[in-house]
Amino acid sequence: MHLVPADRADRRTIDGHRVCDAIAAIGDPGHVRTWSDRFALLADPNRLSLLLALHRTGPLAVSDLAIATGMNDPAVSQALRLLRAAGVVAGEKEGRVVRYSVVDAEVRGLLQQVS
């Protein structure tokens, strides 16, 4: 049981080799946290709706997203602010209009599975 951390080494195991396989499968805690954060962003129905709209149609402005999702403009802006801070979406300014798109490739892959 070479992968078991020292603070857990004294615990009784049933299938020690599988415990090591499970630890290897879990991998780096930072990587797990990153994916957990991604799933948390997707867990909100409003944010998921915004991401699906952007993923399927391409860049859209806040007001268009509000109409498409049934949300109000401030709620869309707040959700986009969170998604932008997480690096999931980015906005491109064209004159006075900012159009948002999904820029995180891994999130795009997840959204593809929802389609």
Protein backbone atom coordinates (compact mmCIF):
# COMPACT_ATOMS: atom_id res chain seq x y z
CA MET A 1 0.00 0.00 0.00
CA HIS A 2 2.66 2.40 -1.14
CA LEU A 3 0.26 5.26 -2.03
CA VAL A 4 -1.57 5.44 1.30
CA PRO A 5 -0.60 8.62 3.17
CA ALA A 6 1.13 8.11 6.50
CA ASP A 7 -1.82 9.49 8.47
CA ARG A 8 -4.04 6.68 7.07
CA ALA A 9 -1.50 3.84 6.97
CA ASP A 10 -2.63 2.32 10.27
CA ARG A 11 -6.20 1.74 9.09
CA ARG A 12 -7.40 -1.76 8.20
CA THR A 13 -8.05 -2.38 4.50
CA ILE A 14 -9.94 -5.11 2.70
CA ASP A 15 -8.36 -4.76 -0.73
CA GLY A 16 -5.10 -2.88 -0.28
CA HIS A 17 -4.17 -2.93 -3.97
CA ARG A 18 -7.53 -1.40 -4.87
CA VAL A 19 -7.04 1.29 -2.25
CA CYS A 20 -3.82 2.27 -4.02
CA ASP A 21 -5.61 2.17 -7.38
CA ALA A 22 -8.36 4.41 -5.95
CA ILE A 23 -5.80 6.89 -4.59
CA ALA A 24 -4.09 6.98 -7.99
CA ALA A 25 -7.47 7.45 -9.72
CA ILE A 26 -8.32 10.42 -7.49
CA GLY A 27 -4.98 12.04 -8.30
CA ASP A 28 -3.84 15.48 -7.31
CA PRO A 29 -6.15 17.25 -4.81
CA GLY A 30 -5.70 20.53 -6.70
CA HIS A 31 -6.96 18.91 -9.89
CA VAL A 32 -9.97 17.51 -8.02
CA ARG A 33 -10.69 21.01 -6.61
CA THR A 34 -10.53 22.55 -10.08
CA TRP A 35 -13.08 20.06 -11.41
CA SER A 36 -15.24 20.49 -8.33
CA ASP A 37 -15.30 24.24 -8.94
CA ARG A 38 -16.25 23.68 -12.58
CA PHE A 39 -19.10 21.41 -11.60
CA ALA A 40 -20.26 23.97 -9.02
CA LEU A 41 -20.48 26.59 -11.77
CA LEU A 42 -22.51 24.22 -13.92
CA ALA A 43 -24.78 23.18 -11.04
CA ASP A 44 -26.77 26.41 -11.14
CA PRO A 45 -29.63 26.15 -13.68
CA ASN A 46 -29.33 29.80 -14.73
CA ARG A 47 -25.59 29.62 -15.34
CA LEU A 48 -25.99 26.32 -17.16
CA SER A 49 -28.71 27.85 -19.35
CA LEU A 50 -26.43 30.75 -20.22
CA LEU A 51 -23.56 28.42 -21.04
CA LEU A 52 -25.74 26.17 -23.18
CA ALA A 53 -27.06 29.18 -25.11
CA LEU A 54 -23.55 30.50 -25.69
CA HIS A 55 -22.20 27.07 -26.58
CA ARG A 56 -24.91 26.31 -29.11
CA THR A 57 -25.31 29.72 -30.73
CA GLY A 58 -21.99 31.48 -30.34
CA PRO A 59 -21.33 34.96 -28.95
CA LEU A 60 -24.32 36.79 -27.48
CA ALA A 61 -24.86 40.08 -25.65
CA VAL A 62 -26.33 40.33 -22.14
CA SER A 63 -29.73 41.57 -23.31
CA ASP A 64 -30.03 38.77 -25.87
CA LEU A 65 -29.06 36.19 -23.24
CA ALA A 66 -31.66 37.65 -20.89
CA ILE A 67 -34.38 37.22 -23.50
CA ALA A 68 -33.22 33.71 -24.42
CA THR A 69 -33.06 32.47 -20.81
CA GLY A 70 -35.94 34.42 -19.28
CA MET A 71 -33.58 36.05 -16.79
CA ASN A 72 -33.33 39.79 -16.22
CA ASP A 73 -30.30 41.74 -17.43
CA PRO A 74 -28.72 42.25 -13.97
CA ALA A 75 -28.99 38.52 -13.17
CA VAL A 76 -27.34 37.65 -16.49
CA SER A 77 -24.58 40.18 -15.84
CA GLN A 78 -23.96 38.76 -12.36
CA ALA A 79 -23.81 35.18 -13.65
CA LEU A 80 -21.47 36.20 -16.47
CA ARG A 81 -19.26 38.00 -13.95
CA LEU A 82 -18.82 34.73 -12.03
CA LEU A 83 -18.24 32.73 -15.20
CA ARG A 84 -15.74 35.29 -16.47
CA ALA A 85 -13.85 35.32 -13.15
CA ALA A 86 -13.59 31.52 -13.39
CA GLY A 87 -12.20 31.77 -16.92
CA VAL A 88 -15.17 29.94 -18.46
CA VAL A 89 -16.46 32.79 -20.63
CA ALA A 90 -14.93 35.90 -22.13
CA GLY A 91 -16.45 39.01 -23.59
CA GLU A 92 -15.46 40.74 -26.78
CA LYS A 93 -16.39 44.37 -27.13
CA GLU A 94 -17.75 45.61 -30.44
CA GLY A 95 -18.46 49.31 -30.08
CA ARG A 96 -20.79 49.61 -27.09
CA VAL A 97 -21.86 45.96 -27.17
CA VAL A 98 -20.04 43.13 -25.40
CA ARG A 99 -20.69 39.64 -26.75
CA TYR A 100 -19.81 36.67 -24.56
CA SER A 101 -18.62 33.22 -25.57
CA VAL A 102 -17.45 30.05 -23.86
CA VAL A 103 -13.64 29.94 -23.84
CA ASP A 104 -12.89 27.02 -21.49
CA ALA A 105 -12.32 23.97 -23.70
CA GLU A 106 -13.04 21.48 -20.92
CA VAL A 107 -16.35 23.15 -20.10
CA ARG A 108 -17.18 23.16 -23.82
CA GLY A 109 -16.60 19.41 -23.78
CA LEU A 110 -18.98 18.99 -20.87
CA LEU A 111 -21.59 21.16 -22.58
CA GLN A 112 -21.28 18.99 -25.69
CA GLN A 113 -22.35 16.03 -23.55
CA VAL A 114 -25.47 17.92 -22.35
CA SER A 115 -26.60 18.63 -25.92
